[in-house]
């Protein structure tokens, strides 16, 4: 990802996933299940042609910021999202204490 080609991320609600586009191509996605007051992230994938370009981190940051804006708790079943939260503690408050223990946040 460069300054010339920003990552575009959109919620594809019909597919239950956020999609990251780079240079007009699908670069990665984060699948989720929407619950009453939470969003459960189940899988994140960066397509091999886009690995190492910041797609995964940009996607994680976006989905967590969006969850915060929507007032949703996060259930990070996806190990990538859980790992991102472990490294970026400013998102830990999105995960309830009992869920933090379950996912070692």
PDB file of N, CA and C in Angstrom:
ATOM      1  N   UNK A   1       0.859  -1.170   0.000  1.00  0.00           N
ATOM      2  CA  UNK A   1       0.000   0.000   0.000  1.00  0.00           C
ATOM      3  C   UNK A   1       0.901   1.227   0.000  1.00  0.00           C
ATOM      4  N   UNK A   2       0.629   2.146  -0.877  1.00  0.00           N
ATOM      5  CA  UNK A   2       1.408   3.371  -0.951  1.00  0.00           C
ATOM      6  C   UNK A   2       0.474   4.549  -0.800  1.00  0.00           C
ATOM      7  N   UNK A   3       1.077   5.749  -0.673  1.00  0.00           N
ATOM      8  CA  UNK A   3       0.253   6.943  -0.570  1.00  0.00           C
ATOM      9  C   UNK A   3      -0.562   7.162  -1.849  1.00  0.00           C
ATOM     10  N   UNK A   4      -0.060   6.663  -2.976  1.00  0.00           N
ATOM     11  CA  UNK A   4      -0.755   6.853  -4.241  1.00  0.00           C
ATOM     12  C   UNK A   4      -1.961   5.933  -4.375  1.00  0.00           C
ATOM     13  N   UNK A   5      -1.919   4.783  -3.736  1.00  0.00           N
ATOM     14  CA  UNK A   5      -3.008   3.822  -3.850  1.00  0.00           C
ATOM     15  C   UNK A   5      -3.524   3.465  -2.452  1.00  0.00           C
ATOM     16  N   UNK A   6      -4.438   4.263  -1.944  1.00  0.00           N
ATOM     17  CA  UNK A   6      -4.965   3.980  -0.599  1.00  0.00           C
ATOM     18  C   UNK A   6      -5.843   2.733  -0.598  1.00  0.00           C
ATOM     19  N   UNK A   7      -5.873   2.106   0.548  1.00  0.00           N
ATOM     20  CA  UNK A   7      -6.711   0.945   0.750  1.00  0.00           C
ATOM     21  C   UNK A   7      -8.153   1.409   0.905  1.00  0.00           C
ATOM     22  N   UNK A   8      -9.054   0.845   0.136  1.00  0.00           N
ATOM     23  CA  UNK A   8     -10.483   1.166   0.231  1.00  0.00           C
ATOM     24  C   UNK A   8     -11.167  -0.011   0.901  1.00  0.00           C
ATOM     25  N   UNK A   9     -11.889   0.264   1.989  1.00  0.00           N
ATOM     26  CA  UNK A   9     -12.539  -0.802   2.746  1.00  0.00           C
ATOM     27  C   UNK A   9     -14.032  -0.519   2.822  1.00  0.00           C
ATOM     28  N   UNK A  10     -14.828  -1.545   2.540  1.00  0.00           N
ATOM     29  CA  UNK A  10     -16.283  -1.411   2.586  1.00  0.00           C
ATOM     30  C   UNK A  10     -16.881  -2.635   3.259  1.00  0.00           C
ATOM     31  N   UNK A  11     -18.004  -2.418   3.927  1.00  0.00           N
ATOM     32  CA  UNK A  11     -18.742  -3.500   4.560  1.00  0.00           C
ATOM     33  C   UNK A  11     -19.666  -4.122   3.522  1.00  0.00           C
ATOM     34  N   UNK A  12     -19.415  -5.353   3.182  1.00  0.00           N
ATOM     35  CA  UNK A  12     -20.288  -6.099   2.274  1.00  0.00           C
ATOM     36  C   UNK A  12     -21.225  -6.917   3.178  1.00  0.00           C
ATOM     37  N   UNK A  13     -22.289  -6.290   3.643  1.00  0.00           N
ATOM     38  CA  UNK A  13     -23.190  -6.912   4.614  1.00  0.00           C
ATOM     39  C   UNK A  13     -23.828  -8.190   4.072  1.00  0.00           C
ATOM     40  N   UNK A  14     -24.093  -8.257   2.789  1.00  0.00           N
ATOM     41  CA  UNK A  14     -24.704  -9.447   2.203  1.00  0.00           C
ATOM     42  C   UNK A  14     -23.793 -10.666   2.332  1.00  0.00           C
ATOM     43  N   UNK A  15     -22.484 -10.430   2.295  1.00  0.00           N
ATOM     44  CA  UNK A  15     -21.503 -11.516   2.413  1.00  0.00           C
ATOM     45  C   UNK A  15     -20.959 -11.655   3.839  1.00  0.00           C
ATOM     46  N   UNK A  16     -21.409 -10.780   4.729  1.00  0.00           N
ATOM     47  CA  UNK A  16     -20.949 -10.776   6.128  1.00  0.00           C
ATOM     48  C   UNK A  16     -19.425 -10.624   6.199  1.00  0.00           C
ATOM     49  N   UNK A  17     -18.922  -9.642   5.471  1.00  0.00           N
ATOM     50  CA  UNK A  17     -17.483  -9.394   5.524  1.00  0.00           C
ATOM     51  C   UNK A  17     -17.163  -7.972   5.094  1.00  0.00           C
ATOM     52  N   UNK A  18     -16.074  -7.475   5.652  1.00  0.00           N
ATOM     53  CA  UNK A  18     -15.501  -6.221   5.208  1.00  0.00           C
ATOM     54  C   UNK A  18     -14.498  -6.587   4.124  1.00  0.00           C
ATOM     55  N   UNK A  19     -14.505  -5.828   3.035  1.00  0.00           N
ATOM     56  CA  UNK A  19     -13.613  -6.114   1.922  1.00  0.00           C
ATOM     57  C   UNK A  19     -12.638  -4.958   1.725  1.00  0.00           C
ATOM     58  N   UNK A  20     -11.377  -5.307   1.572  1.00  0.00           N
ATOM     59  CA  UNK A  20     -10.324  -4.324   1.322  1.00  0.00           C
ATOM     60  C   UNK A  20      -9.933  -4.401  -0.151  1.00  0.00           C
ATOM     61  N   UNK A  21      -9.988  -3.258  -0.795  1.00  0.00           N
ATOM     62  CA  UNK A  21      -9.636  -3.179  -2.213  1.00  0.00           C
ATOM     63  C   UNK A  21      -8.364  -2.355  -2.362  1.00  0.00           C
ATOM     64  N   UNK A  22      -7.478  -2.821  -3.215  1.00  0.00           N
ATOM     65  CA  UNK A  22      -6.239  -2.107  -3.506  1.00  0.00           C
ATOM     66  C   UNK A  22      -6.052  -2.143  -5.015  1.00  0.00           C
ATOM     67  N   UNK A  23      -5.864  -0.996  -5.598  1.00  0.00           N
ATOM     68  CA  UNK A  23      -5.730  -0.898  -7.058  1.00  0.00           C
ATOM     69  C   UNK A  23      -6.930  -1.527  -7.772  1.00  0.00           C
ATOM     70  N   UNK A  24      -8.120  -1.370  -7.187  1.00  0.00           N
ATOM     71  CA  UNK A  24      -9.335  -1.867  -7.804  1.00  0.00           C
ATOM     72  C   UNK A  24      -9.544  -3.368  -7.703  1.00  0.00           C
ATOM     73  N   UNK A  25      -8.693  -4.054  -6.946  1.00  0.00           N
ATOM     74  CA  UNK A  25      -8.813  -5.500  -6.817  1.00  0.00           C
ATOM     75  C   UNK A  25      -9.037  -5.869  -5.357  1.00  0.00           C
ATOM     76  N   UNK A  26      -9.775  -6.960  -5.143  1.00  0.00           N
ATOM     77  CA  UNK A  26      -9.956  -7.462  -3.789  1.00  0.00           C
ATOM     78  C   UNK A  26      -8.597  -7.893  -3.251  1.00  0.00           C
ATOM     79  N   UNK A  27      -8.195  -7.284  -2.141  1.00  0.00           N
ATOM     80  CA  UNK A  27      -6.893  -7.573  -1.547  1.00  0.00           C
ATOM     81  C   UNK A  27      -7.016  -8.408  -0.280  1.00  0.00           C
ATOM     82  N   UNK A  28      -8.169  -8.315   0.383  1.00  0.00           N
ATOM     83  CA  UNK A  28      -8.367  -9.071   1.608  1.00  0.00           C
ATOM     84  C   UNK A  28      -9.756  -8.844   2.153  1.00  0.00           C
ATOM     85  N   UNK A  29     -10.087  -9.597   3.181  1.00  0.00           N
ATOM     86  CA  UNK A  29     -11.406  -9.448   3.782  1.00  0.00           C
ATOM     87  C   UNK A  29     -11.382  -9.944   5.226  1.00  0.00           C
ATOM     88  N   UNK A  30     -12.345  -9.465   5.996  1.00  0.00           N
ATOM     89  CA  UNK A  30     -12.549  -9.896   7.373  1.00  0.00           C
ATOM     90  C   UNK A  30     -14.008 -10.328   7.500  1.00  0.00           C
ATOM     91  N   UNK A  31     -14.218 -11.613   7.732  1.00  0.00           N
ATOM     92  CA  UNK A  31     -15.570 -12.151   7.857  1.00  0.00           C
ATOM     93  C   UNK A  31     -16.083 -11.950   9.274  1.00  0.00           C
ATOM     94  N   UNK A  32     -17.398 -11.764   9.389  1.00  0.00           N
ATOM     95  CA  UNK A  32     -17.985 -11.512  10.702  1.00  0.00           C
ATOM     96  C   UNK A  32     -19.399 -12.053  10.798  1.00  0.00           C
ATOM     97  N   UNK A  33     -19.858 -12.175  12.032  1.00  0.00           N
ATOM     98  CA  UNK A  33     -21.258 -12.431  12.345  1.00  0.00           C
ATOM     99  C   UNK A  33     -21.703 -11.276  13.219  1.00  0.00           C
ATOM    100  N   UNK A  34     -22.789 -10.647  12.846  1.00  0.00           N
ATOM    101  CA  UNK A  34     -23.320  -9.522  13.602  1.00  0.00           C
ATOM    102  C   UNK A  34     -24.321 -10.042  14.622  1.00  0.00           C
ATOM    103  N   UNK A  35     -24.088  -9.697  15.887  1.00  0.00           N
ATOM    104  CA  UNK A  35     -24.968 -10.088  16.978  1.00  0.00           C
ATOM    105  C   UNK A  35     -25.721  -8.858  17.468  1.00  0.00           C
ATOM    106  N   UNK A  36     -26.525  -9.009  18.492  1.00  0.00           N
ATOM    107  CA  UNK A  36     -27.334  -7.896  18.983  1.00  0.00           C
ATOM    108  C   UNK A  36     -26.489  -6.692  19.381  1.00  0.00           C
ATOM    109  N   UNK A  37     -25.464  -6.919  20.209  1.00  0.00           N
ATOM    110  CA  UNK A  37     -24.639  -5.802  20.686  1.00  0.00           C
ATOM    111  C   UNK A  37     -23.154  -6.043  20.452  1.00  0.00           C
ATOM    112  N   UNK A  38     -22.849  -6.987  19.557  1.00  0.00           N
ATOM    113  CA  UNK A  38     -21.442  -7.336  19.321  1.00  0.00           C
ATOM    114  C   UNK A  38     -21.244  -7.749  17.869  1.00  0.00           C
ATOM    115  N   UNK A  39     -19.981  -7.739  17.477  1.00  0.00           N
ATOM    116  CA  UNK A  39     -19.598  -8.253  16.167  1.00  0.00           C
ATOM    117  C   UNK A  39     -18.514  -9.298  16.405  1.00  0.00           C
ATOM    118  N   UNK A  40     -18.735 -10.487  15.871  1.00  0.00           N
ATOM    119  CA  UNK A  40     -17.796 -11.589  16.035  1.00  0.00           C
ATOM    120  C   UNK A  40     -16.998 -11.738  14.744  1.00  0.00           C
ATOM    121  N   UNK A  41     -15.691 -11.476  14.841  1.00  0.00           N
ATOM    122  CA  UNK A  41     -14.832 -11.642  13.669  1.00  0.00           C
ATOM    123  C   UNK A  41     -14.357 -13.087  13.641  1.00  0.00           C
ATOM    124  N   UNK A  42     -14.638 -13.777  12.541  1.00  0.00           N
ATOM    125  CA  UNK A  42     -14.374 -15.208  12.456  1.00  0.00           C
ATOM    126  C   UNK A  42     -13.169 -15.574  11.591  1.00  0.00           C
ATOM    127  N   UNK A  43     -12.839 -14.731  10.630  1.00  0.00           N
ATOM    128  CA  UNK A  43     -11.717 -15.063   9.733  1.00  0.00           C
ATOM    129  C   UNK A  43     -11.270 -13.806   8.996  1.00  0.00           C
ATOM    130  N   UNK A  44      -9.973 -13.642   8.896  1.00  0.00           N
ATOM    131  CA  UNK A  44      -9.402 -12.548   8.102  1.00  0.00           C
ATOM    132  C   UNK A  44      -8.417 -13.159   7.121  1.00  0.00           C
ATOM    133  N   UNK A  45      -8.473 -12.696   5.906  1.00  0.00           N
ATOM    134  CA  UNK A  45      -7.591 -13.225   4.877  1.00  0.00           C
ATOM    135  C   UNK A  45      -7.063 -12.097   4.011  1.00  0.00           C
ATOM    136  N   UNK A  46      -5.760 -12.139   3.751  1.00  0.00           N
ATOM    137  CA  UNK A  46      -5.133 -11.241   2.782  1.00  0.00           C
ATOM    138  C   UNK A  46      -4.718 -12.124   1.616  1.00  0.00           C
ATOM    139  N   UNK A  47      -5.156 -11.766   0.418  1.00  0.00           N
ATOM    140  CA  UNK A  47      -4.814 -12.563  -0.757  1.00  0.00           C
ATOM    141  C   UNK A  47      -3.309 -12.493  -1.002  1.00  0.00           C
ATOM    142  N   UNK A  48      -2.743 -13.591  -1.441  1.00  0.00           N
ATOM    143  CA  UNK A  48      -1.284 -13.728  -1.517  1.00  0.00           C
ATOM    144  C   UNK A  48      -0.606 -12.617  -2.322  1.00  0.00           C
ATOM    145  N   UNK A  49      -1.221 -12.135  -3.371  1.00  0.00           N
ATOM    146  CA  UNK A  49      -0.619 -11.081  -4.191  1.00  0.00           C
ATOM    147  C   UNK A  49      -0.476  -9.760  -3.431  1.00  0.00           C
ATOM    148  N   UNK A  50      -1.171  -9.629  -2.306  1.00  0.00           N
ATOM    149  CA  UNK A  50      -1.180  -8.373  -1.561  1.00  0.00           C
ATOM    150  C   UNK A  50      -0.521  -8.487  -0.184  1.00  0.00           C
ATOM    151  N   UNK A  51       0.065  -9.622   0.116  1.00  0.00           N
ATOM    152  CA  UNK A  51       0.728  -9.798   1.407  1.00  0.00           C
ATOM    153  C   UNK A  51       1.909  -8.846   1.529  1.00  0.00           C
ATOM    154  N   UNK A  52       2.133  -8.386   2.749  1.00  0.00           N
ATOM    155  CA  UNK A  52       3.260  -7.493   3.009  1.00  0.00           C
ATOM    156  C   UNK A  52       3.034  -6.054   2.607  1.00  0.00           C
ATOM    157  N   UNK A  53       1.809  -5.703   2.288  1.00  0.00           N
ATOM    158  CA  UNK A  53       1.500  -4.341   1.843  1.00  0.00           C
ATOM    159  C   UNK A  53       0.651  -3.573   2.848  1.00  0.00           C
ATOM    160  N   UNK A  54       0.490  -4.127   4.051  1.00  0.00           N
ATOM    161  CA  UNK A  54      -0.273  -3.435   5.083  1.00  0.00           C
ATOM    162  C   UNK A  54      -1.771  -3.628   5.000  1.00  0.00           C
ATOM    163  N   UNK A  55      -2.208  -4.550   4.155  1.00  0.00           N
ATOM    164  CA  UNK A  55      -3.638  -4.770   3.965  1.00  0.00           C
ATOM    165  C   UNK A  55      -4.274  -5.305   5.247  1.00  0.00           C
ATOM    166  N   UNK A  56      -3.663  -6.309   5.859  1.00  0.00           N
ATOM    167  CA  UNK A  56      -4.228  -6.909   7.063  1.00  0.00           C
ATOM    168  C   UNK A  56      -4.348  -5.917   8.199  1.00  0.00           C
ATOM    169  N   UNK A  57      -3.299  -5.156   8.434  1.00  0.00           N
ATOM    170  CA  UNK A  57      -3.326  -4.160   9.505  1.00  0.00           C
ATOM    171  C   UNK A  57      -4.336  -3.059   9.221  1.00  0.00           C
ATOM    172  N   UNK A  58      -4.383  -2.606   7.987  1.00  0.00           N
ATOM    173  CA  UNK A  58      -5.353  -1.567   7.620  1.00  0.00           C
ATOM    174  C   UNK A  58      -6.779  -2.061   7.776  1.00  0.00           C
ATOM    175  N   UNK A  59      -6.998  -3.298   7.408  1.00  0.00           N
ATOM    176  CA  UNK A  59      -8.323  -3.905   7.538  1.00  0.00           C
ATOM    177  C   UNK A  59      -8.699  -4.045   9.008  1.00  0.00           C
ATOM    178  N   UNK A  60      -7.792  -4.552   9.832  1.00  0.00           N
ATOM    179  CA  UNK A  60      -8.066  -4.718  11.269  1.00  0.00           C
ATOM    180  C   UNK A  60      -8.380  -3.375  11.914  1.00  0.00           C
ATOM    181  N   UNK A  61      -7.577  -2.388  11.636  1.00  0.00           N
ATOM    182  CA  UNK A  61      -7.799  -1.053  12.201  1.00  0.00           C
ATOM    183  C   UNK A  61      -9.171  -0.511  11.804  1.00  0.00           C
ATOM    184  N   UNK A  62      -9.526  -0.678  10.544  1.00  0.00           N
ATOM    185  CA  UNK A  62     -10.814  -0.174  10.051  1.00  0.00           C
ATOM    186  C   UNK A  62     -11.984  -0.877  10.725  1.00  0.00           C
ATOM    187  N   UNK A  63     -11.948  -2.221  10.787  1.00  0.00           N
ATOM    188  CA  UNK A  63     -13.101  -2.940  11.341  1.00  0.00           C
ATOM    189  C   UNK A  63     -13.268  -2.653  12.827  1.00  0.00           C
ATOM    190  N   UNK A  64     -12.158  -2.474  13.533  1.00  0.00           N
ATOM    191  CA  UNK A  64     -12.242  -2.161  14.967  1.00  0.00           C
ATOM    192  C   UNK A  64     -12.739  -0.734  15.182  1.00  0.00           C
ATOM    193  N   UNK A  65     -12.268   0.188  14.369  1.00  0.00           N
ATOM    194  CA  UNK A  65     -12.771   1.567  14.461  1.00  0.00           C
ATOM    195  C   UNK A  65     -14.261   1.612  14.137  1.00  0.00           C
ATOM    196  N   UNK A  66     -14.690   0.822  13.158  1.00  0.00           N
ATOM    197  CA  UNK A  66     -16.098   0.795  12.792  1.00  0.00           C
ATOM    198  C   UNK A  66     -16.943   0.183  13.917  1.00  0.00           C
ATOM    199  N   UNK A  67     -16.447  -0.869  14.542  1.00  0.00           N
ATOM    200  CA  UNK A  67     -17.165  -1.470  15.677  1.00  0.00           C
ATOM    201  C   UNK A  67     -17.334  -0.448  16.790  1.00  0.00           C
ATOM    202  N   UNK A  68     -16.274   0.314  17.069  1.00  0.00           N
ATOM    203  CA  UNK A  68     -16.344   1.352  18.102  1.00  0.00           C
ATOM    204  C   UNK A  68     -17.390   2.410  17.735  1.00  0.00           C
ATOM    205  N   UNK A  69     -17.361   2.846  16.492  1.00  0.00           N
ATOM    206  CA  UNK A  69     -18.303   3.881  16.036  1.00  0.00           C
ATOM    207  C   UNK A  69     -19.751   3.399  16.115  1.00  0.00           C
ATOM    208  N   UNK A  70     -19.956   2.110  15.930  1.00  0.00           N
ATOM    209  CA  UNK A  70     -21.302   1.533  15.968  1.00  0.00           C
ATOM    210  C   UNK A  70     -21.719   1.101  17.375  1.00  0.00           C
ATOM    211  N   UNK A  71     -20.825   1.263  18.349  1.00  0.00           N
ATOM    212  CA  UNK A  71     -21.143   0.895  19.730  1.00  0.00           C
ATOM    213  C   UNK A  71     -21.221  -0.601  19.954  1.00  0.00           C
ATOM    214  N   UNK A  72     -20.452  -1.361  19.182  1.00  0.00           N
ATOM    215  CA  UNK A  72     -20.479  -2.817  19.291  1.00  0.00           C
ATOM    216  C   UNK A  72     -19.278  -3.345  20.061  1.00  0.00           C
ATOM    217  N   UNK A  73     -19.499  -4.378  20.856  1.00  0.00           N
ATOM    218  CA  UNK A  73     -18.400  -5.119  21.464  1.00  0.00           C
ATOM    219  C   UNK A  73     -17.815  -6.022  20.391  1.00  0.00           C
ATOM    220  N   UNK A  74     -16.550  -6.407  20.577  1.00  0.00           N
ATOM    221  CA  UNK A  74     -15.877  -7.263  19.612  1.00  0.00           C
ATOM    222  C   UNK A  74     -15.612  -8.630  20.239  1.00  0.00           C
ATOM    223  N   UNK A  75     -15.900  -9.676  19.481  1.00  0.00           N
ATOM    224  CA  UNK A  75     -15.545 -11.039  19.869  1.00  0.00           C
ATOM    225  C   UNK A  75     -14.533 -11.518  18.817  1.00  0.00           C
ATOM    226  N   UNK A  76     -13.241 -11.533  19.170  1.00  0.00           N
ATOM    227  CA  UNK A  76     -12.197 -11.815  18.183  1.00  0.00           C
ATOM    228  C   UNK A  76     -11.875 -13.303  18.045  1.00  0.00           C
ATOM    229  N   UNK A  77     -12.804 -14.067  17.463  1.00  0.00           N
ATOM    230  CA  UNK A  77     -12.558 -15.484  17.209  1.00  0.00           C
ATOM    231  C   UNK A  77     -11.396 -15.626  16.224  1.00  0.00           C
ATOM    232  N   UNK A  78     -11.328 -14.731  15.269  1.00  0.00           N
ATOM    233  CA  UNK A  78     -10.230 -14.704  14.293  1.00  0.00           C
ATOM    234  C   UNK A  78      -8.919 -14.388  15.006  1.00  0.00           C
ATOM    235  N   UNK A  79      -7.936 -15.253  14.848  1.00  0.00           N
ATOM    236  CA  UNK A  79      -6.655 -15.056  15.524  1.00  0.00           C
ATOM    237  C   UNK A  79      -5.922 -13.806  15.044  1.00  0.00           C
ATOM    238  N   UNK A  80      -6.123 -13.413  13.799  1.00  0.00           N
ATOM    239  CA  UNK A  80      -5.464 -12.197  13.311  1.00  0.00           C
ATOM    240  C   UNK A  80      -6.007 -10.971  14.041  1.00  0.00           C
ATOM    241  N   UNK A  81      -7.322 -10.879  14.165  1.00  0.00           N
ATOM    242  CA  UNK A  81      -7.937  -9.739  14.860  1.00  0.00           C
ATOM    243  C   UNK A  81      -7.548  -9.770  16.335  1.00  0.00           C
ATOM    244  N   UNK A  82      -7.578 -10.951  16.958  1.00  0.00           N
ATOM    245  CA  UNK A  82      -7.168 -11.069  18.365  1.00  0.00           C
ATOM    246  C   UNK A  82      -5.716 -10.614  18.538  1.00  0.00           C
ATOM    247  N   UNK A  83      -4.845 -11.032  17.647  1.00  0.00           N
ATOM    248  CA  UNK A  83      -3.433 -10.636  17.714  1.00  0.00           C
ATOM    249  C   UNK A  83      -3.253  -9.145  17.517  1.00  0.00           C
ATOM    250  N   UNK A  84      -4.032  -8.562  16.622  1.00  0.00           N
ATOM    251  CA  UNK A  84      -3.948  -7.119  16.392  1.00  0.00           C
ATOM    252  C   UNK A  84      -4.342  -6.368  17.665  1.00  0.00           C
ATOM    253  N   UNK A  85      -5.392  -6.827  18.331  1.00  0.00           N
ATOM    254  CA  UNK A  85      -5.823  -6.173  19.574  1.00  0.00           C
ATOM    255  C   UNK A  85      -4.759  -6.329  20.652  1.00  0.00           C
ATOM    256  N   UNK A  86      -4.116  -7.488  20.735  1.00  0.00           N
ATOM    257  CA  UNK A  86      -3.029  -7.684  21.721  1.00  0.00           C
ATOM    258  C   UNK A  86      -1.898  -6.677  21.498  1.00  0.00           C
ATOM    259  N   UNK A  87      -1.589  -6.402  20.243  1.00  0.00           N
ATOM    260  CA  UNK A  87      -0.500  -5.473  19.915  1.00  0.00           C
ATOM    261  C   UNK A  87      -0.918  -4.013  19.996  1.00  0.00           C
ATOM    262  N   UNK A  88      -2.190  -3.753  19.846  1.00  0.00           N
ATOM    263  CA  UNK A  88      -2.715  -2.383  19.829  1.00  0.00           C
ATOM    264  C   UNK A  88      -3.743  -2.254  20.948  1.00  0.00           C
ATOM    265  N   UNK A  89      -3.247  -2.051  22.151  1.00  0.00           N
ATOM    266  CA  UNK A  89      -4.059  -2.083  23.364  1.00  0.00           C
ATOM    267  C   UNK A  89      -5.174  -1.038  23.386  1.00  0.00           C
ATOM    268  N   UNK A  90      -5.088  -0.043  22.528  1.00  0.00           N
ATOM    269  CA  UNK A  90      -6.145   0.968  22.489  1.00  0.00           C
ATOM    270  C   UNK A  90      -7.484   0.379  22.040  1.00  0.00           C
ATOM    271  N   UNK A  91      -7.466  -0.851  21.517  1.00  0.00           N
ATOM    272  CA  UNK A  91      -8.698  -1.513  21.106  1.00  0.00           C
ATOM    273  C   UNK A  91      -9.196  -2.537  22.131  1.00  0.00           C
ATOM    274  N   UNK A  92      -8.428  -2.780  23.175  1.00  0.00           N
ATOM    275  CA  UNK A  92      -8.789  -3.813  24.154  1.00  0.00           C
ATOM    276  C   UNK A  92     -10.126  -3.532  24.829  1.00  0.00           C
ATOM    277  N   UNK A  93     -10.477  -2.265  24.977  1.00  0.00           N
ATOM    278  CA  UNK A  93     -11.753  -1.932  25.632  1.00  0.00           C
ATOM    279  C   UNK A  93     -12.969  -2.369  24.817  1.00  0.00           C
ATOM    280  N   UNK A  94     -12.782  -2.701  23.554  1.00  0.00           N
ATOM    281  CA  UNK A  94     -13.888  -3.179  22.726  1.00  0.00           C
ATOM    282  C   UNK A  94     -14.272  -4.619  23.076  1.00  0.00           C
ATOM    283  N   UNK A  95     -13.365  -5.314  23.763  1.00  0.00           N
ATOM    284  CA  UNK A  95     -13.579  -6.716  24.102  1.00  0.00           C
ATOM    285  C   UNK A  95     -13.933  -6.805  25.584  1.00  0.00           C
ATOM    286  N   UNK A  96     -15.103  -7.367  25.893  1.00  0.00           N
ATOM    287  CA  UNK A  96     -15.522  -7.508  27.288  1.00  0.00           C
ATOM    288  C   UNK A  96     -14.497  -8.332  28.067  1.00  0.00           C
ATOM    289  N   UNK A  97     -14.409  -8.102  29.375  1.00  0.00           N
ATOM    290  CA  UNK A  97     -13.404  -8.757  30.223  1.00  0.00           C
ATOM    291  C   UNK A  97     -13.467 -10.281  30.129  1.00  0.00           C
ATOM    292  N   UNK A  98     -14.665 -10.857  30.154  1.00  0.00           N
ATOM    293  CA  UNK A  98     -14.770 -12.314  30.078  1.00  0.00           C
ATOM    294  C   UNK A  98     -14.288 -12.837  28.721  1.00  0.00           C
ATOM    295  N   UNK A  99     -14.531 -12.070  27.686  1.00  0.00           N
ATOM    296  CA  UNK A  99     -14.073 -12.455  26.347  1.00  0.00           C
ATOM    297  C   UNK A  99     -12.552 -12.259  26.236  1.00  0.00           C
ATOM    298  N   UNK A 100     -12.023 -11.220  26.866  1.00  0.00           N
ATOM    299  CA  UNK A 100     -10.573 -11.011  26.872  1.00  0.00           C
ATOM    300  C   UNK A 100      -9.875 -12.223  27.458  1.00  0.00           C
ATOM    301  N   UNK A 101     -10.381 -12.758  28.549  1.00  0.00           N
ATOM    302  CA  UNK A 101      -9.763 -13.931  29.174  1.00  0.00           C
ATOM    303  C   UNK A 101      -9.820 -15.120  28.219  1.00  0.00           C
ATOM    304  N   UNK A 102     -10.941 -15.318  27.564  1.00  0.00           N
ATOM    305  CA  UNK A 102     -11.100 -16.462  26.665  1.00  0.00           C
ATOM    306  C   UNK A 102     -10.127 -16.413  25.489  1.00  0.00           C
ATOM    307  N   UNK A 103      -9.831 -15.203  25.003  1.00  0.00           N
ATOM    308  CA  UNK A 103      -8.961 -15.065  23.836  1.00  0.00           C
ATOM    309  C   UNK A 103      -7.580 -14.506  24.168  1.00  0.00           C
ATOM    310  N   UNK A 104      -7.271 -14.479  25.472  1.00  0.00           N
ATOM    311  CA  UNK A 104      -5.945 -14.035  25.939  1.00  0.00           C
ATOM    312  C   UNK A 104      -5.576 -12.649  25.420  1.00  0.00           C
ATOM    313  N   UNK A 105      -6.525 -11.732  25.563  1.00  0.00           N
ATOM    314  CA  UNK A 105      -6.314 -10.343  25.122  1.00  0.00           C
ATOM    315  C   UNK A 105      -5.678  -9.586  26.270  1.00  0.00           C
TER     316      UNK A 105
END
